[in-house]
Structure formats: structure tokens, C-alpha cells
PDB file of N, CA and C in Angstrom:
ATOM      1  N   UNK A   1     -19.184 -12.977 -48.798  1.00  0.00           N
ATOM      2  CA  UNK A   1     -19.516 -14.452 -47.841  1.00  0.00           C
ATOM      3  C   UNK A   1     -18.196 -14.767 -46.909  1.00  0.00           C
ATOM      4  N   UNK A   2     -18.222 -15.035 -46.030  1.00  0.00           N
ATOM      5  CA  UNK A   2     -16.880 -14.934 -45.393  1.00  0.00           C
ATOM      6  C   UNK A   2     -17.521 -15.929 -44.391  1.00  0.00           C
ATOM      7  N   UNK A   3     -16.284 -17.200 -44.034  1.00  0.00           N
ATOM      8  CA  UNK A   3     -16.427 -18.561 -43.654  1.00  0.00           C
ATOM      9  C   UNK A   3     -15.624 -18.120 -42.634  1.00  0.00           C
ATOM     10  N   UNK A   4     -16.195 -18.781 -41.198  1.00  0.00           N
ATOM     11  CA  UNK A   4     -14.618 -18.407 -39.983  1.00  0.00           C
ATOM     12  C   UNK A   4     -15.262 -19.711 -39.675  1.00  0.00           C
ATOM     13  N   UNK A   5     -13.758 -20.332 -39.241  1.00  0.00           N
ATOM     14  CA  UNK A   5     -14.406 -21.815 -38.081  1.00  0.00           C
ATOM     15  C   UNK A   5     -13.322 -20.955 -36.946  1.00  0.00           C
ATOM     16  N   UNK A   6     -14.580 -21.544 -35.975  1.00  0.00           N
ATOM     17  CA  UNK A   6     -13.779 -20.750 -34.175  1.00  0.00           C
ATOM     18  C   UNK A   6     -12.741 -21.307 -34.064  1.00  0.00           C
ATOM     19  N   UNK A   7     -12.396 -22.494 -34.542  1.00  0.00           N
ATOM     20  CA  UNK A   7     -11.535 -23.247 -33.416  1.00  0.00           C
ATOM     21  C   UNK A   7      -9.581 -22.864 -34.537  1.00  0.00           C
ATOM     22  N   UNK A   8     -10.047 -22.608 -35.690  1.00  0.00           N
ATOM     23  CA  UNK A   8      -8.686 -21.977 -36.645  1.00  0.00           C
ATOM     24  C   UNK A   8      -8.544 -20.468 -35.953  1.00  0.00           C
ATOM     25  N   UNK A   9      -9.179 -20.026 -35.269  1.00  0.00           N
ATOM     26  CA  UNK A   9      -9.038 -18.572 -34.807  1.00  0.00           C
ATOM     27  C   UNK A   9      -8.096 -18.362 -33.776  1.00  0.00           C
ATOM     28  N   UNK A  10      -7.261 -17.414 -33.636  1.00  0.00           N
ATOM     29  CA  UNK A  10      -5.793 -17.410 -32.333  1.00  0.00           C
ATOM     30  C   UNK A  10      -6.622 -17.323 -31.194  1.00  0.00           C
ATOM     31  N   UNK A  11      -6.168 -17.849 -30.122  1.00  0.00           N
ATOM     32  CA  UNK A  11      -6.837 -17.376 -29.156  1.00  0.00           C
ATOM     33  C   UNK A  11      -5.999 -15.929 -28.598  1.00  0.00           C
ATOM     34  N   UNK A  12      -6.534 -15.386 -28.239  1.00  0.00           N
ATOM     35  CA  UNK A  12      -5.761 -14.425 -27.050  1.00  0.00           C
ATOM     36  C   UNK A  12      -6.107 -14.031 -25.993  1.00  0.00           C
ATOM     37  N   UNK A  13      -5.568 -13.149 -24.859  1.00  0.00           N
ATOM     38  CA  UNK A  13      -6.320 -12.656 -23.621  1.00  0.00           C
ATOM     39  C   UNK A  13      -6.917 -11.365 -24.266  1.00  0.00           C
ATOM     40  N   UNK A  14      -8.344 -11.600 -23.434  1.00  0.00           N
ATOM     41  CA  UNK A  14      -9.177 -10.867 -23.546  1.00  0.00           C
ATOM     42  C   UNK A  14      -8.617  -9.269 -22.452  1.00  0.00           C
ATOM     43  N   UNK A  15      -8.855  -8.265 -23.479  1.00  0.00           N
ATOM     44  CA  UNK A  15      -8.360  -6.982 -23.113  1.00  0.00           C
ATOM     45  C   UNK A  15      -9.130  -6.145 -21.870  1.00  0.00           C
ATOM     46  N   UNK A  16     -10.105  -7.155 -21.519  1.00  0.00           N
ATOM     47  CA  UNK A  16     -10.223  -6.246 -19.914  1.00  0.00           C
ATOM     48  C   UNK A  16     -10.525  -7.092 -18.673  1.00  0.00           C
ATOM     49  N   UNK A  17      -9.472  -8.686 -19.074  1.00  0.00           N
ATOM     50  CA  UNK A  17      -9.214  -9.429 -18.225  1.00  0.00           C
ATOM     51  C   UNK A  17      -8.442 -10.636 -18.657  1.00  0.00           C
ATOM     52  N   UNK A  18      -7.017 -10.003 -18.657  1.00  0.00           N
ATOM     53  CA  UNK A  18      -5.945 -11.605 -19.301  1.00  0.00           C
ATOM     54  C   UNK A  18      -6.212 -13.148 -19.444  1.00  0.00           C
ATOM     55  N   UNK A  19      -6.921 -13.264 -17.655  1.00  0.00           N
ATOM     56  CA  UNK A  19      -7.133 -14.928 -17.456  1.00  0.00           C
ATOM     57  C   UNK A  19      -8.292 -14.987 -18.553  1.00  0.00           C
ATOM     58  N   UNK A  20      -8.900 -14.340 -18.898  1.00  0.00           N
ATOM     59  CA  UNK A  20     -10.142 -14.928 -20.197  1.00  0.00           C
ATOM     60  C   UNK A  20      -9.354 -14.787 -21.212  1.00  0.00           C
ATOM     61  N   UNK A  21      -9.355 -16.031 -22.119  1.00  0.00           N
ATOM     62  CA  UNK A  21      -9.280 -16.095 -23.413  1.00  0.00           C
ATOM     63  C   UNK A  21     -10.099 -16.015 -23.834  1.00  0.00           C
ATOM     64  N   UNK A  22      -9.939 -15.013 -25.367  1.00  0.00           N
ATOM     65  CA  UNK A  22     -10.824 -15.156 -26.226  1.00  0.00           C
ATOM     66  C   UNK A  22     -10.836 -15.210 -27.896  1.00  0.00           C
ATOM     67  N   UNK A  23     -12.039 -15.386 -28.834  1.00  0.00           N
ATOM     68  CA  UNK A  23     -11.195 -15.722 -30.272  1.00  0.00           C
ATOM     69  C   UNK A  23     -12.077 -14.411 -30.512  1.00  0.00           C
ATOM     70  N   UNK A  24     -11.623 -14.183 -31.491  1.00  0.00           N
ATOM     71  CA  UNK A  24     -12.491 -12.843 -32.504  1.00  0.00           C
ATOM     72  C   UNK A  24     -12.809 -13.610 -33.202  1.00  0.00           C
ATOM     73  N   UNK A  25     -14.260 -13.643 -34.047  1.00  0.00           N
ATOM     74  CA  UNK A  25     -13.914 -14.171 -35.230  1.00  0.00           C
ATOM     75  C   UNK A  25     -14.565 -13.068 -36.362  1.00  0.00           C
ATOM     76  N   UNK A  26     -14.609 -11.992 -35.710  1.00  0.00           N
ATOM     77  CA  UNK A  26     -14.869  -9.968 -36.830  1.00  0.00           C
ATOM     78  C   UNK A  26     -14.731  -9.157 -35.538  1.00  0.00           C
ATOM     79  N   UNK A  27     -13.413  -8.214 -36.310  1.00  0.00           N
ATOM     80  CA  UNK A  27     -13.160  -7.195 -34.879  1.00  0.00           C
ATOM     81  C   UNK A  27     -13.918  -6.213 -35.761  1.00  0.00           C
ATOM     82  N   UNK A  28     -13.892  -5.054 -35.217  1.00  0.00           N
ATOM     83  CA  UNK A  28     -14.482  -4.331 -35.444  1.00  0.00           C
ATOM     84  C   UNK A  28     -14.245  -3.398 -36.588  1.00  0.00           C
ATOM     85  N   UNK A  29     -14.850  -3.155 -37.705  1.00  0.00           N
ATOM     86  CA  UNK A  29     -14.668  -2.670 -39.051  1.00  0.00           C
ATOM     87  C   UNK A  29     -15.091  -4.060 -40.296  1.00  0.00           C
ATOM     88  N   UNK A  30     -14.516  -5.058 -39.808  1.00  0.00           N
ATOM     89  CA  UNK A  30     -15.101  -6.381 -40.646  1.00  0.00           C
ATOM     90  C   UNK A  30     -16.083  -6.690 -40.993  1.00  0.00           C
ATOM     91  N   UNK A  31     -16.913  -6.280 -40.572  1.00  0.00           N
ATOM     92  CA  UNK A  31     -18.849  -6.468 -41.198  1.00  0.00           C
ATOM     93  C   UNK A  31     -19.150  -5.131 -40.668  1.00  0.00           C
ATOM     94  N   UNK A  32     -20.057  -4.773 -42.051  1.00  0.00           N
ATOM     95  CA  UNK A  32     -20.649  -3.515 -41.431  1.00  0.00           C
ATOM     96  C   UNK A  32     -21.888  -3.513 -40.416  1.00  0.00           C
ATOM     97  N   UNK A  33     -21.673  -2.972 -39.321  1.00  0.00           N
ATOM     98  CA  UNK A  33     -22.866  -2.574 -38.198  1.00  0.00           C
ATOM     99  C   UNK A  33     -22.361  -3.189 -37.067  1.00  0.00           C
ATOM    100  N   UNK A  34     -21.484  -4.049 -37.778  1.00  0.00           N
ATOM    101  CA  UNK A  34     -20.750  -5.204 -36.555  1.00  0.00           C
ATOM    102  C   UNK A  34     -19.812  -4.942 -35.484  1.00  0.00           C
ATOM    103  N   UNK A  35     -20.169  -4.482 -34.253  1.00  0.00           N
ATOM    104  CA  UNK A  35     -18.753  -4.211 -33.320  1.00  0.00           C
ATOM    105  C   UNK A  35     -17.866  -5.195 -33.323  1.00  0.00           C
ATOM    106  N   UNK A  36     -18.246  -6.540 -33.063  1.00  0.00           N
ATOM    107  CA  UNK A  36     -17.353  -7.212 -32.852  1.00  0.00           C
ATOM    108  C   UNK A  36     -18.693  -8.563 -32.748  1.00  0.00           C
ATOM    109  N   UNK A  37     -17.737 -10.302 -33.109  1.00  0.00           N
ATOM    110  CA  UNK A  37     -17.879 -10.721 -32.934  1.00  0.00           C
ATOM    111  C   UNK A  37     -17.009 -11.995 -32.606  1.00  0.00           C
ATOM    112  N   UNK A  38     -16.988 -12.716 -31.223  1.00  0.00           N
ATOM    113  CA  UNK A  38     -16.215 -13.323 -30.414  1.00  0.00           C
ATOM    114  C   UNK A  38     -16.873 -14.599 -29.553  1.00  0.00           C
ATOM    115  N   UNK A  39     -16.293 -15.008 -29.092  1.00  0.00           N
ATOM    116  CA  UNK A  39     -16.106 -16.412 -28.037  1.00  0.00           C
ATOM    117  C   UNK A  39     -15.324 -16.317 -27.157  1.00  0.00           C
ATOM    118  N   UNK A  40     -15.521 -16.447 -25.642  1.00  0.00           N
ATOM    119  CA  UNK A  40     -14.726 -16.298 -24.712  1.00  0.00           C
ATOM    120  C   UNK A  40     -14.965 -17.294 -23.326  1.00  0.00           C
ATOM    121  N   UNK A  41     -13.357 -17.790 -22.920  1.00  0.00           N
ATOM    122  CA  UNK A  41     -13.628 -18.805 -22.076  1.00  0.00           C
ATOM    123  C   UNK A  41     -13.249 -18.188 -20.720  1.00  0.00           C
ATOM    124  N   UNK A  42     -14.166 -18.120 -19.610  1.00  0.00           N
ATOM    125  CA  UNK A  42     -13.633 -17.983 -18.414  1.00  0.00           C
ATOM    126  C   UNK A  42     -13.226 -18.705 -17.203  1.00  0.00           C
ATOM    127  N   UNK A  43     -12.156 -19.097 -16.805  1.00  0.00           N
ATOM    128  CA  UNK A  43     -11.776 -19.784 -15.688  1.00  0.00           C
ATOM    129  C   UNK A  43     -12.541 -19.370 -14.822  1.00  0.00           C
ATOM    130  N   UNK A  44     -13.305 -20.499 -13.596  1.00  0.00           N
ATOM    131  CA  UNK A  44     -14.062 -20.329 -12.689  1.00  0.00           C
ATOM    132  C   UNK A  44     -13.359 -19.421 -11.560  1.00  0.00           C
ATOM    133  N   UNK A  45     -14.443 -18.333 -11.277  1.00  0.00           N
ATOM    134  CA  UNK A  45     -13.927 -17.128 -10.433  1.00  0.00           C
ATOM    135  C   UNK A  45     -13.982 -15.917 -11.295  1.00  0.00           C
ATOM    136  N   UNK A  46     -13.361 -15.832 -12.366  1.00  0.00           N
ATOM    137  CA  UNK A  46     -12.948 -14.428 -13.247  1.00  0.00           C
ATOM    138  C   UNK A  46     -14.092 -13.998 -13.734  1.00  0.00           C
ATOM    139  N   UNK A  47     -13.785 -12.575 -14.060  1.00  0.00           N
ATOM    140  CA  UNK A  47     -14.933 -11.664 -14.125  1.00  0.00           C
ATOM    141  C   UNK A  47     -14.555 -11.034 -15.138  1.00  0.00           C
ATOM    142  N   UNK A  48     -15.383  -9.913 -15.671  1.00  0.00           N
ATOM    143  CA  UNK A  48     -15.144  -9.179 -16.950  1.00  0.00           C
ATOM    144  C   UNK A  48     -14.782  -7.712 -16.248  1.00  0.00           C
ATOM    145  N   UNK A  49     -15.145  -7.398 -15.001  1.00  0.00           N
ATOM    146  CA  UNK A  49     -15.287  -6.436 -14.491  1.00  0.00           C
ATOM    147  C   UNK A  49     -16.608  -5.464 -14.872  1.00  0.00           C
ATOM    148  N   UNK A  50     -17.021  -4.839 -14.106  1.00  0.00           N
ATOM    149  CA  UNK A  50     -17.939  -3.763 -14.419  1.00  0.00           C
ATOM    150  C   UNK A  50     -17.719  -2.938 -16.182  1.00  0.00           C
ATOM    151  N   UNK A  51     -18.271  -2.547 -16.867  1.00  0.00           N
ATOM    152  CA  UNK A  51     -18.494  -2.356 -18.483  1.00  0.00           C
ATOM    153  C   UNK A  51     -19.628  -1.728 -18.796  1.00  0.00           C
ATOM    154  N   UNK A  52     -19.739  -0.501 -19.582  1.00  0.00           N
ATOM    155  CA  UNK A  52     -20.514   0.098 -19.972  1.00  0.00           C
ATOM    156  C   UNK A  52     -20.049   0.685 -21.719  1.00  0.00           C
ATOM    157  N   UNK A  53     -21.104   0.338 -22.619  1.00  0.00           N
ATOM    158  CA  UNK A  53     -21.116   1.190 -23.609  1.00  0.00           C
ATOM    159  C   UNK A  53     -21.991   2.000 -24.241  1.00  0.00           C
ATOM    160  N   UNK A  54     -21.633   3.054 -24.944  1.00  0.00           N
ATOM    161  CA  UNK A  54     -22.677   4.003 -24.984  1.00  0.00           C
ATOM    162  C   UNK A  54     -23.119   4.126 -26.453  1.00  0.00           C
ATOM    163  N   UNK A  55     -22.152   3.298 -27.372  1.00  0.00           N
ATOM    164  CA  UNK A  55     -22.066   3.122 -28.564  1.00  0.00           C
ATOM    165  C   UNK A  55     -22.808   2.117 -28.817  1.00  0.00           C
ATOM    166  N   UNK A  56     -22.971   0.872 -28.444  1.00  0.00           N
ATOM    167  CA  UNK A  56     -23.241  -0.569 -29.500  1.00  0.00           C
ATOM    168  C   UNK A  56     -24.323  -0.659 -28.032  1.00  0.00           C
ATOM    169  N   UNK A  57     -24.972  -2.078 -28.352  1.00  0.00           N
ATOM    170  CA  UNK A  57     -25.818  -3.092 -28.641  1.00  0.00           C
ATOM    171  C   UNK A  57     -24.795  -4.308 -28.313  1.00  0.00           C
ATOM    172  N   UNK A  58     -24.715  -5.129 -27.147  1.00  0.00           N
ATOM    173  CA  UNK A  58     -24.274  -6.585 -27.091  1.00  0.00           C
ATOM    174  C   UNK A  58     -25.187  -7.599 -26.106  1.00  0.00           C
ATOM    175  N   UNK A  59     -25.046  -8.909 -27.576  1.00  0.00           N
ATOM    176  CA  UNK A  59     -25.433  -9.897 -27.294  1.00  0.00           C
ATOM    177  C   UNK A  59     -24.515 -10.591 -26.683  1.00  0.00           C
ATOM    178  N   UNK A  60     -25.032 -11.491 -25.807  1.00  0.00           N
ATOM    179  CA  UNK A  60     -24.428 -12.111 -24.917  1.00  0.00           C
ATOM    180  C   UNK A  60     -25.054 -13.809 -25.231  1.00  0.00           C
ATOM    181  N   UNK A  61     -24.674 -15.062 -25.003  1.00  0.00           N
ATOM    182  CA  UNK A  61     -25.136 -16.243 -25.182  1.00  0.00           C
ATOM    183  C   UNK A  61     -24.331 -17.612 -24.585  1.00  0.00           C
ATOM    184  N   UNK A  62     -24.283 -17.674 -23.213  1.00  0.00           N
ATOM    185  CA  UNK A  62     -23.842 -18.846 -22.279  1.00  0.00           C
ATOM    186  C   UNK A  62     -24.059 -20.225 -23.200  1.00  0.00           C
ATOM    187  N   UNK A  63     -22.457 -20.594 -23.946  1.00  0.00           N
ATOM    188  CA  UNK A  63     -22.727 -21.697 -24.115  1.00  0.00           C
ATOM    189  C   UNK A  63     -22.436 -22.857 -23.525  1.00  0.00           C
ATOM    190  N   UNK A  64     -21.930 -22.901 -22.405  1.00  0.00           N
ATOM    191  CA  UNK A  64     -21.456 -23.641 -21.226  1.00  0.00           C
ATOM    192  C   UNK A  64     -20.972 -23.106 -20.211  1.00  0.00           C
ATOM    193  N   UNK A  65     -20.966 -24.179 -19.135  1.00  0.00           N
ATOM    194  CA  UNK A  65     -20.659 -23.649 -17.600  1.00  0.00           C
ATOM    195  C   UNK A  65     -21.751 -22.743 -17.070  1.00  0.00           C
ATOM    196  N   UNK A  66     -21.726 -22.093 -16.067  1.00  0.00           N
ATOM    197  CA  UNK A  66     -22.475 -21.448 -14.957  1.00  0.00           C
ATOM    198  C   UNK A  66     -22.014 -20.306 -14.731  1.00  0.00           C
ATOM    199  N   UNK A  67     -22.931 -18.844 -14.849  1.00  0.00           N
ATOM    200  CA  UNK A  67     -22.190 -17.785 -14.990  1.00  0.00           C
ATOM    201  C   UNK A  67     -23.286 -16.794 -14.049  1.00  0.00           C
ATOM    202  N   UNK A  68     -22.833 -15.815 -13.954  1.00  0.00           N
ATOM    203  CA  UNK A  68     -23.812 -14.779 -13.484  1.00  0.00           C
ATOM    204  C   UNK A  68     -23.800 -13.463 -14.334  1.00  0.00           C
ATOM    205  N   UNK A  69     -24.783 -12.847 -14.960  1.00  0.00           N
ATOM    206  CA  UNK A  69     -24.485 -12.000 -15.509  1.00  0.00           C
ATOM    207  C   UNK A  69     -25.364 -10.594 -14.950  1.00  0.00           C
ATOM    208  N   UNK A  70     -24.892  -9.840 -14.271  1.00  0.00           N
ATOM    209  CA  UNK A  70     -25.118  -8.147 -13.866  1.00  0.00           C
ATOM    210  C   UNK A  70     -25.500  -7.196 -15.071  1.00  0.00           C
ATOM    211  N   UNK A  71     -26.469  -6.352 -14.854  1.00  0.00           N
ATOM    212  CA  UNK A  71     -27.327  -5.602 -15.081  1.00  0.00           C
ATOM    213  C   UNK A  71     -27.870  -4.339 -14.911  1.00  0.00           C
ATOM    214  N   UNK A  72     -27.126  -3.407 -14.827  1.00  0.00           N
ATOM    215  CA  UNK A  72     -27.049  -2.219 -13.791  1.00  0.00           C
ATOM    216  C   UNK A  72     -27.887  -2.884 -12.289  1.00  0.00           C
ATOM    217  N   UNK A  73     -26.710  -3.367 -12.326  1.00  0.00           N
ATOM    218  CA  UNK A  73     -26.537  -3.600 -10.549  1.00  0.00           C
ATOM    219  C   UNK A  73     -28.080  -4.799  -9.755  1.00  0.00           C
ATOM    220  N   UNK A  74     -28.348  -5.738 -11.380  1.00  0.00           N
ATOM    221  CA  UNK A  74     -28.988  -6.466 -10.628  1.00  0.00           C
ATOM    222  C   UNK A  74     -28.648  -8.120 -11.359  1.00  0.00           C
ATOM    223  N   UNK A  75     -28.518  -9.218 -10.312  1.00  0.00           N
ATOM    224  CA  UNK A  75     -27.932 -10.295 -11.116  1.00  0.00           C
ATOM    225  C   UNK A  75     -28.894 -11.082 -11.538  1.00  0.00           C
ATOM    226  N   UNK A  76     -28.456 -11.556 -12.924  1.00  0.00           N
ATOM    227  CA  UNK A  76     -29.348 -13.205 -13.484  1.00  0.00           C
ATOM    228  C   UNK A  76     -28.361 -14.249 -13.830  1.00  0.00           C
ATOM    229  N   UNK A  77     -29.045 -15.086 -13.514  1.00  0.00           N
ATOM    230  CA  UNK A  77     -28.866 -16.868 -13.642  1.00  0.00           C
ATOM    231  C   UNK A  77     -27.992 -16.261 -15.198  1.00  0.00           C
ATOM    232  N   UNK A  78     -26.842 -17.095 -15.489  1.00  0.00           N
ATOM    233  CA  UNK A  78     -26.494 -17.364 -17.093  1.00  0.00           C
ATOM    234  C   UNK A  78     -25.887 -18.531 -17.508  1.00  0.00           C
ATOM    235  N   UNK A  79     -26.811 -19.500 -17.646  1.00  0.00           N
ATOM    236  CA  UNK A  79     -26.824 -20.514 -17.757  1.00  0.00           C
ATOM    237  C   UNK A  79     -26.791 -20.957 -19.397  1.00  0.00           C
ATOM    238  N   UNK A  80     -26.080 -22.127 -19.591  1.00  0.00           N
ATOM    239  CA  UNK A  80     -26.245 -22.267 -20.895  1.00  0.00           C
ATOM    240  C   UNK A  80     -27.900 -22.923 -21.295  1.00  0.00           C
ATOM    241  N   UNK A  81     -27.672 -21.705 -23.151  1.00  0.00           N
ATOM    242  CA  UNK A  81     -29.183 -21.389 -23.948  1.00  0.00           C
ATOM    243  C   UNK A  81     -29.541 -20.258 -23.497  1.00  0.00           C
ATOM    244  N   UNK A  82     -29.196 -19.445 -22.467  1.00  0.00           N
ATOM    245  CA  UNK A  82     -29.402 -18.172 -22.181  1.00  0.00           C
ATOM    246  C   UNK A  82     -28.504 -16.882 -22.788  1.00  0.00           C
ATOM    247  N   UNK A  83     -29.682 -16.031 -23.358  1.00  0.00           N
ATOM    248  CA  UNK A  83     -29.070 -15.237 -24.298  1.00  0.00           C
ATOM    249  C   UNK A  83     -29.886 -13.666 -23.623  1.00  0.00           C
ATOM    250  N   UNK A  84     -28.448 -12.846 -23.474  1.00  0.00           N
ATOM    251  CA  UNK A  84     -29.014 -11.652 -23.219  1.00  0.00           C
ATOM    252  C   UNK A  84     -28.811 -10.374 -23.953  1.00  0.00           C
ATOM    253  N   UNK A  85     -29.415  -9.274 -23.909  1.00  0.00           N
ATOM    254  CA  UNK A  85     -29.187  -8.246 -24.817  1.00  0.00           C
ATOM    255  C   UNK A  85     -29.043  -7.152 -23.518  1.00  0.00           C
ATOM    256  N   UNK A  86     -27.837  -6.486 -24.146  1.00  0.00           N
ATOM    257  CA  UNK A  86     -27.422  -5.524 -23.075  1.00  0.00           C
ATOM    258  C   UNK A  86     -27.674  -4.365 -24.104  1.00  0.00           C
ATOM    259  N   UNK A  87     -28.486  -3.448 -23.906  1.00  0.00           N
ATOM    260  CA  UNK A  87     -28.201  -1.887 -24.740  1.00  0.00           C
ATOM    261  C   UNK A  87     -27.398  -0.566 -23.982  1.00  0.00           C
ATOM    262  N   UNK A  88     -26.832  -0.029 -24.994  1.00  0.00           N
ATOM    263  CA  UNK A  88     -26.479   0.915 -24.945  1.00  0.00           C
ATOM    264  C   UNK A  88     -26.575   1.801 -23.280  1.00  0.00           C
ATOM    265  N   UNK A  89     -25.390   1.697 -22.730  1.00  0.00           N
ATOM    266  CA  UNK A  89     -25.986   2.750 -21.829  1.00  0.00           C
ATOM    267  C   UNK A  89     -25.884   1.482 -20.443  1.00  0.00           C
ATOM    268  N   UNK A  90     -26.362   0.489 -20.433  1.00  0.00           N
ATOM    269  CA  UNK A  90     -26.297  -0.733 -19.613  1.00  0.00           C
ATOM    270  C   UNK A  90     -24.723  -0.878 -18.884  1.00  0.00           C
ATOM    271  N   UNK A  91     -25.030  -0.488 -17.664  1.00  0.00           N
ATOM    272  CA  UNK A  91     -23.573  -1.097 -17.105  1.00  0.00           C
ATOM    273  C   UNK A  91     -23.510  -2.657 -17.012  1.00  0.00           C
ATOM    274  N   UNK A  92     -23.272  -3.346 -16.949  1.00  0.00           N
ATOM    275  CA  UNK A  92     -23.044  -4.942 -17.408  1.00  0.00           C
ATOM    276  C   UNK A  92     -21.609  -5.287 -16.969  1.00  0.00           C
ATOM    277  N   UNK A  93     -21.418  -6.768 -16.205  1.00  0.00           N
ATOM    278  CA  UNK A  93     -20.659  -7.504 -16.111  1.00  0.00           C
ATOM    279  C   UNK A  93     -20.925  -9.227 -15.954  1.00  0.00           C
ATOM    280  N   UNK A  94     -19.923  -9.683 -16.429  1.00  0.00           N
ATOM    281  CA  UNK A  94     -19.919 -11.414 -16.914  1.00  0.00           C
ATOM    282  C   UNK A  94     -19.271 -12.207 -15.349  1.00  0.00           C
ATOM    283  N   UNK A  95     -19.840 -13.002 -14.737  1.00  0.00           N
ATOM    284  CA  UNK A  95     -19.217 -13.462 -13.934  1.00  0.00           C
ATOM    285  C   UNK A  95     -19.101 -14.925 -13.811  1.00  0.00           C
ATOM    286  N   UNK A  96     -17.867 -15.771 -13.725  1.00  0.00           N
ATOM    287  CA  UNK A  96     -18.181 -17.065 -13.913  1.00  0.00           C
ATOM    288  C   UNK A  96     -18.330 -18.075 -12.593  1.00  0.00           C
ATOM    289  N   UNK A  97     -19.648 -18.201 -11.955  1.00  0.00           N
ATOM    290  CA  UNK A  97     -19.833 -18.549 -10.637  1.00  0.00           C
ATOM    291  C   UNK A  97     -19.696 -20.205 -10.452  1.00  0.00           C
ATOM    292  N   UNK A  98     -19.567 -20.802 -11.488  1.00  0.00           N
ATOM    293  CA  UNK A  98     -19.386 -22.242 -11.571  1.00  0.00           C
ATOM    294  C   UNK A  98     -18.065 -22.831 -11.273  1.00  0.00           C
ATOM    295  N   UNK A  99     -17.876 -24.024 -10.930  1.00  0.00           N
ATOM    296  CA  UNK A  99     -16.613 -24.634 -11.169  1.00  0.00           C
ATOM    297  C   UNK A  99     -15.506 -25.297 -12.233  1.00  0.00           C
ATOM    298  N   UNK A 100     -16.668 -25.023 -13.602  1.00  0.00           N
ATOM    299  CA  UNK A 100     -15.617 -25.385 -14.876  1.00  0.00           C
ATOM    300  C   UNK A 100     -15.952 -23.967 -15.417  1.00  0.00           C
ATOM    301  N   UNK A 101     -15.228 -24.252 -16.475  1.00  0.00           N
ATOM    302  CA  UNK A 101     -15.149 -23.007 -17.655  1.00  0.00           C
ATOM    303  C   UNK A 101     -16.390 -22.632 -18.290  1.00  0.00           C
ATOM    304  N   UNK A 102     -16.282 -20.954 -18.086  1.00  0.00           N
ATOM    305  CA  UNK A 102     -17.711 -20.579 -18.848  1.00  0.00           C
ATOM    306  C   UNK A 102     -17.093 -19.927 -19.962  1.00  0.00           C
ATOM    307  N   UNK A 103     -18.228 -20.773 -21.084  1.00  0.00           N
ATOM    308  CA  UNK A 103     -17.480 -20.446 -22.385  1.00  0.00           C
ATOM    309  C   UNK A 103     -19.156 -19.263 -22.926  1.00  0.00           C
ATOM    310  N   UNK A 104     -19.032 -17.945 -22.924  1.00  0.00           N
ATOM    311  CA  UNK A 104     -19.568 -17.225 -23.754  1.00  0.00           C
ATOM    312  C   UNK A 104     -19.507 -16.414 -25.096  1.00  0.00           C
ATOM    313  N   UNK A 105     -20.576 -16.855 -25.880  1.00  0.00           N
ATOM    314  CA  UNK A 105     -20.405 -16.264 -27.631  1.00  0.00           C
ATOM    315  C   UNK A 105     -20.771 -14.725 -27.597  1.00  0.00           C
ATOM    316  N   UNK A 106     -20.840 -14.390 -28.009  1.00  0.00           N
ATOM    317  CA  UNK A 106     -20.802 -12.585 -27.859  1.00  0.00           C
ATOM    318  C   UNK A 106     -21.306 -11.987 -29.272  1.00  0.00           C
ATOM    319  N   UNK A 107     -21.847 -10.982 -29.879  1.00  0.00           N
ATOM    320  CA  UNK A 107     -21.546  -9.997 -30.684  1.00  0.00           C
ATOM    321  C   UNK A 107     -21.937  -8.390 -30.243  1.00  0.00           C
ATOM    322  N   UNK A 108     -21.483  -7.472 -31.090  1.00  0.00           N
ATOM    323  CA  UNK A 108     -21.748  -5.899 -30.594  1.00  0.00           C
ATOM    324  C   UNK A 108     -22.183  -5.783 -32.008  1.00  0.00           C
ATOM    325  N   UNK A 109     -23.534  -4.755 -31.934  1.00  0.00           N
ATOM    326  CA  UNK A 109     -23.692  -3.867 -33.507  1.00  0.00           C
ATOM    327  C   UNK A 109     -23.632  -2.458 -33.016  1.00  0.00           C
ATOM    328  N   UNK A 110     -23.048  -1.717 -33.920  1.00  0.00           N
ATOM    329  CA  UNK A 110     -22.939  -0.723 -34.399  1.00  0.00           C
ATOM    330  C   UNK A 110     -24.259   0.077 -33.874  1.00  0.00           C
ATOM    331  N   UNK A 111     -24.067   1.873 -32.608  1.00  0.00           N
ATOM    332  CA  UNK A 111     -25.738   1.722 -32.371  1.00  0.00           C
ATOM    333  C   UNK A 111     -25.787   2.665 -33.705  1.00  0.00           C
ATOM    334  N   UNK A 112     -27.051   3.619 -34.080  1.00  0.00           N
ATOM    335  CA  UNK A 112     -27.249   4.523 -34.641  1.00  0.00           C
ATOM    336  C   UNK A 112     -27.068   5.988 -34.151  1.00  0.00           C
TER     337      UNK A 112
END
């Protein structure tokens, strides 16, 4: 059993954009089959930059704010309550298009 309280996890800059703050609840190797579990806070205008993983599926949920998630050059509104599954090979980017912080929870699964 693992009990993790997000507010007790240290905040750090995201490796893909140091302006985005993240809390990693489980890093790769901490839980079998999970690549990561994290929450990120994007200031207005910040973005991840285009990314692609061939070894994992990622699941992103918008907890607060207003964003755009781009998957393979198609943009989708990313608002609270929206969950997006990004498959291995999908090129993706998350952008805060609002005036408030964009809060995104995510986890990645190791692909077989």
C-alpha cells in the first residue's frame, strides 16, 4: 500500500519547461507498470512543447484552468473534467490558453 498526499510532495520545475511546476507522486519504477503519476501547474501562456513517447500511454486530466491539448496537430479544448489519453507515438503538447493557472494531473503507463 502507498499513501501519497500531494501537498506533501515537493514541488520542482518540469523537465520540459522550468516555468511549469510539478509534483511527482510516483516516479518511474516506483509502481510496476506505471511510468509516472504527477500534477503540473502551468502559468498563463506556458506550454510543454511538442513531445512524443514510443514507450508509454499517457493520461492527462484538466483539474483547473483553461488549456488546449494538441494531438498530432489537432487542437482540443482542455477544460476542467476533461481527460485525454495519448497513445504511444502521438505527438502532443499542452498549452495554457487562459488567464489563470492550468492544473493538469497525469499518469503514464509502460507499454508492452
